[in-house]
Amino acid sequence: MKRSYQLTKSKFILGQQCEKALYLNVYFPKLAYYPPETLARFKAGRDFEAKVKSLFPEGIDVSKALGWKMDQYPVYTAQLLRQPGEINIYEAGFLYNGVLVLADVLHRDGDGNISIYEIKNSLSMRDVFVSDVGIQHYVISHCIDIGSFSVVYNDGNDNPLYEDMLASAREAEPAISAQVEHFKEVLQGFMPLTEEGDHCHIPYDCPFLRHCGRNKNRKQ
């Protein structure tokens, strides 16, 4: 069954780092390798995310309801948002122009104002978070009206700090839109022949670094 989306938030961020990595992630995902320290970082991130989500009680977790049925996330989220009154939704799904994003927390208050929260287990704001919020805003804003969009990060003691990034997300939309179209074109062609470099570790260690290293050694 063909998916209704070509890109996700994580794929978009990976594409910004390396177009070859994006291509491998889509067509050869089993080549990815995550070392123990990366898996430990993922777990710490999930733990902090769970703590922040607990501050938005009685949330409906779309991921628990649907699991890996990603195509159904936007439909189920739209159904939940048709319910009246205040609501908290975890992993709310939105689809626009072939891009699927999941919001860590969507909160709608009693007056209908919607706030989105992206949770990061980081001790400071990072440049990559602008892109992270930017691609989410690009999709979600074409589906619903957003009143605020905040990154939630760690104060060092597992307490949340909030920074509203709605203005920067709106400003970034033209560039985000252009990159979305470019990445779609990349995925329709041959695998990019990107050489290794500093980008393999910025902003994150690339999960395909070991694969690229093996191929490089074979050529030598």
Protein backbone atom coordinates (compact mmCIF):
# COMPACT_ATOMS: atom_id res chain seq x y z
CA MET A 1 0.00 0.00 0.00
CA LYS A 2 1.41 3.36 -1.04
CA ARG A 3 1.89 5.87 1.76
CA SER A 4 0.06 9.17 1.69
CA TYR A 5 3.26 11.01 2.63
CA GLN A 6 6.82 11.24 1.29
CA LEU A 7 8.46 13.17 4.11
CA THR A 8 8.22 13.36 7.89
CA LYS A 9 9.73 15.84 10.32
CA SER A 10 12.69 13.58 11.07
CA LYS A 11 13.31 12.90 7.39
CA PHE A 12 13.21 16.62 6.63
CA ILE A 13 15.75 17.38 9.36
CA LEU A 14 17.94 14.52 8.13
CA GLY A 15 17.72 15.87 4.59
CA GLN A 16 18.94 19.26 5.74
CA GLN A 17 21.95 17.55 7.26
CA CYS A 18 22.68 15.25 4.31
CA GLU A 19 20.60 14.46 1.23
CA LYS A 20 22.29 11.08 0.87
CA ALA A 21 21.22 10.21 4.42
CA LEU A 22 17.65 11.21 3.57
CA TYR A 23 17.72 8.93 0.51
CA LEU A 24 19.11 6.01 2.54
CA ASN A 25 16.56 6.59 5.29
CA VAL A 26 13.67 6.33 2.80
CA TYR A 27 14.90 3.48 0.61
CA PHE A 28 17.41 1.57 2.77
CA PRO A 29 16.39 2.21 6.40
CA LYS A 30 17.88 -1.09 7.63
CA LEU A 31 21.35 0.28 6.95
CA ALA A 32 20.98 2.73 9.84
CA TYR A 33 23.03 2.07 12.96
CA TYR A 34 22.44 3.69 16.34
CA PRO A 35 25.25 3.16 18.89
CA PRO A 36 24.41 2.51 22.57
CA GLU A 37 25.09 6.12 23.58
CA THR A 38 22.59 7.35 20.98
CA LEU A 39 19.96 4.88 22.16
CA ALA A 40 20.57 6.05 25.73
CA ARG A 41 20.05 9.64 24.59
CA PHE A 42 16.79 8.63 22.91
CA LYS A 43 15.60 7.03 26.16
CA ALA A 44 16.48 10.10 28.21
CA GLY A 45 14.56 12.17 25.69
CA ARG A 46 11.51 9.94 25.98
CA ASP A 47 11.66 10.15 29.78
CA PHE A 48 11.75 13.95 29.73
CA GLU A 49 8.99 14.02 27.12
CA ALA A 50 6.79 11.83 29.33
CA LYS A 51 7.33 14.18 32.26
CA VAL A 52 6.32 17.22 30.23
CA LYS A 53 3.29 15.45 28.79
CA SER A 54 2.12 14.70 32.34
CA LEU A 55 1.70 18.48 32.75
CA PHE A 56 -1.09 18.25 30.15
CA PRO A 57 -3.38 15.76 31.91
CA GLU A 58 -5.96 13.43 30.42
CA GLY A 59 -4.26 13.61 27.07
CA ILE A 60 -5.31 11.32 24.27
CA ASP A 61 -2.24 9.53 22.90
CA VAL A 62 -2.66 8.96 19.17
CA SER A 63 0.45 6.77 19.04
CA LYS A 64 -1.01 4.36 21.62
CA ALA A 65 -4.28 4.19 19.71
CA LEU A 66 -2.77 3.62 16.26
CA GLY A 67 0.80 2.40 16.71
CA TRP A 68 2.61 2.28 13.35
CA LYS A 69 -0.50 3.06 11.29
CA MET A 70 0.95 6.46 10.49
CA ASP A 71 -1.38 7.18 7.58
CA GLN A 72 -4.31 7.15 10.01
CA TYR A 73 -2.86 9.71 12.45
CA PRO A 74 -4.18 12.81 10.66
CA VAL A 75 -7.68 11.37 10.26
CA TYR A 76 -7.90 10.35 13.91
CA THR A 77 -6.51 13.70 15.05
CA ALA A 78 -9.11 15.55 12.97
CA GLN A 79 -11.84 13.45 14.57
CA LEU A 80 -10.56 14.32 18.05
CA LEU A 81 -10.47 18.02 17.22
CA ARG A 82 -14.10 17.93 16.19
CA GLN A 83 -14.98 17.20 19.82
CA PRO A 84 -16.04 20.33 21.71
CA GLY A 85 -14.21 21.86 24.63
CA GLU A 86 -10.70 21.70 26.04
CA ILE A 87 -8.49 18.83 24.91
CA ASN A 88 -4.90 17.59 25.11
CA ILE A 89 -3.57 15.35 22.33
CA TYR A 90 -0.21 13.61 22.32
CA GLU A 91 1.42 12.83 18.95
CA ALA A 92 -1.31 14.64 17.02
CA GLY A 93 -0.85 13.91 13.32
CA PHE A 94 -1.10 16.36 10.43
CA LEU A 95 -0.57 15.88 6.70
CA TYR A 96 -0.01 18.53 4.06
CA ASN A 97 1.67 18.43 0.65
CA GLY A 98 3.03 14.95 1.22
CA VAL A 99 4.61 15.79 4.59
CA LEU A 100 3.47 14.08 7.80
CA VAL A 101 4.30 15.60 11.19
CA LEU A 102 3.39 14.58 14.73
CA ALA A 103 3.06 17.23 17.43
CA ASP A 104 4.37 16.11 20.82
CA VAL A 105 1.54 17.96 22.58
CA LEU A 106 -1.44 19.81 21.18
CA HIS A 107 -3.45 21.75 23.73
CA ARG A 108 -6.75 23.41 22.89
CA ASP A 109 -8.21 25.55 25.65
CA GLY A 110 -11.87 26.15 26.41
CA ASP A 111 -11.97 29.12 24.04
CA GLY A 112 -10.68 27.09 21.13
CA ASN A 113 -7.13 28.50 21.10
CA ILE A 114 -4.57 25.90 20.02
CA SER A 115 -1.01 25.67 21.33
CA ILE A 116 1.61 23.25 20.05
CA TYR A 117 4.55 22.05 22.18
CA GLU A 118 7.70 20.43 20.81
CA ILE A 119 9.65 18.74 23.62
CA LYS A 120 13.45 18.60 23.55
CA ASN A 121 15.67 17.12 26.23
CA SER A 122 18.25 19.83 25.68
CA LEU A 123 19.82 22.25 28.15
CA SER A 124 19.60 25.12 25.68
CA MET A 125 17.93 26.21 22.48
CA ARG A 126 19.65 24.99 19.32
CA ASP A 127 19.57 26.21 15.73
CA VAL A 128 18.13 22.88 14.54
CA PHE A 129 15.03 23.50 16.65
CA VAL A 130 14.11 26.37 14.32
CA SER A 131 13.95 23.90 11.42
CA ASP A 132 12.15 21.37 13.61
CA VAL A 133 9.41 23.83 14.50
CA GLY A 134 9.47 25.30 11.00
CA ILE A 135 8.56 22.07 9.20
CA GLN A 136 5.86 21.30 11.77
CA HIS A 137 4.37 24.77 11.45
CA TYR A 138 4.49 24.52 7.65
CA VAL A 139 2.25 21.45 7.80
CA ILE A 140 0.04 22.14 10.82
CA SER A 141 -0.76 25.75 9.90
CA HIS A 142 -2.29 24.51 6.64
CA CYS A 143 -4.61 22.24 8.65
CA ILE A 144 -5.63 24.29 11.69
CA ASP A 145 -5.10 27.75 13.20
CA ILE A 146 -2.21 27.86 15.69
CA GLY A 147 -2.19 30.36 18.55
CA SER A 148 1.30 29.54 19.84
CA PHE A 149 4.11 27.11 19.08
CA SER A 150 6.68 26.51 21.81
CA VAL A 151 9.81 24.47 22.24
CA VAL A 152 10.01 22.94 25.70
CA TYR A 153 13.57 22.25 26.85
CA ASN A 154 15.32 21.12 30.04
CA ASP A 155 16.54 23.50 32.75
CA GLY A 156 19.10 20.90 33.87
CA ASN A 157 16.89 19.47 36.61
CA ASP A 158 14.23 17.96 34.35
CA ASN A 159 12.03 21.02 34.74
CA PRO A 160 10.57 22.48 31.54
CA LEU A 161 11.48 25.84 30.06
CA TYR A 162 9.28 27.26 27.30
CA GLU A 163 10.17 29.42 24.30
CA ASP A 164 7.51 30.49 21.82
CA MET A 165 8.83 30.17 18.28
CA LEU A 166 5.70 30.92 16.28
CA ALA A 167 7.11 34.13 14.77
CA SER A 168 10.34 32.48 13.61
CA ALA A 169 8.37 29.55 12.19
CA ARG A 170 6.22 31.87 10.12
CA GLU A 171 9.31 33.69 8.88
CA ALA A 172 10.95 30.42 7.84
CA GLU A 173 7.97 29.12 5.85
CA PRO A 174 9.12 30.19 2.34
CA ALA A 175 12.49 28.48 2.83
CA ILE A 176 10.84 25.40 4.35
CA SER A 177 8.40 25.16 1.44
CA ALA A 178 11.25 25.33 -1.09
CA GLN A 179 13.23 22.65 0.75
CA VAL A 180 10.22 20.34 0.85
CA GLU A 181 9.92 20.48 -2.92
CA HIS A 182 13.65 20.00 -3.34
CA PHE A 183 13.73 16.93 -1.10
CA LYS A 184 10.85 15.41 -3.05
CA GLU A 185 12.90 15.81 -6.21
CA VAL A 186 15.91 14.22 -4.52
CA LEU A 187 13.84 11.19 -3.61
CA GLN A 188 12.66 10.79 -7.20
CA GLY A 189 16.20 10.55 -8.57
CA PHE A 190 19.37 8.59 -7.95
CA MET A 191 21.09 8.47 -4.59
CA PRO A 192 23.15 11.64 -4.02
CA LEU A 193 26.91 11.06 -3.98
CA THR A 194 27.66 13.10 -0.87
CA GLU A 195 31.16 12.80 0.56
CA GLU A 196 31.81 12.48 4.29
CA GLY A 197 32.55 15.65 6.23
CA ASP A 198 31.66 17.71 9.29
CA HIS A 199 27.98 17.48 8.34
CA CYS A 200 28.07 13.78 9.31
CA HIS A 201 27.97 14.89 12.95
CA ILE A 202 26.09 18.21 12.84
CA PRO A 203 23.50 18.68 14.19
CA TYR A 204 23.38 14.94 15.00
CA ASP A 205 25.56 11.90 14.39
CA CYS A 206 24.34 10.40 11.13
CA PRO A 207 22.89 6.88 11.51
CA PHE A 208 24.37 5.92 8.13
CA LEU A 209 27.94 6.95 8.93
CA ARG A 210 29.09 3.35 9.36
CA HIS A 211 27.58 2.37 6.00
CA CYS A 212 29.26 5.26 4.19
CA GLY A 213 32.57 4.44 5.89
CA ARG A 214 32.41 0.83 4.75
CA ASN A 215 31.77 1.85 1.16
CA LYS A 216 34.63 4.34 1.27
CA ASN A 217 37.03 1.64 2.53
CA ARG A 218 35.92 -0.73 -0.25
CA LYS A 219 36.72 1.89 -2.89
CA GLN A 220 40.19 2.34 -1.43
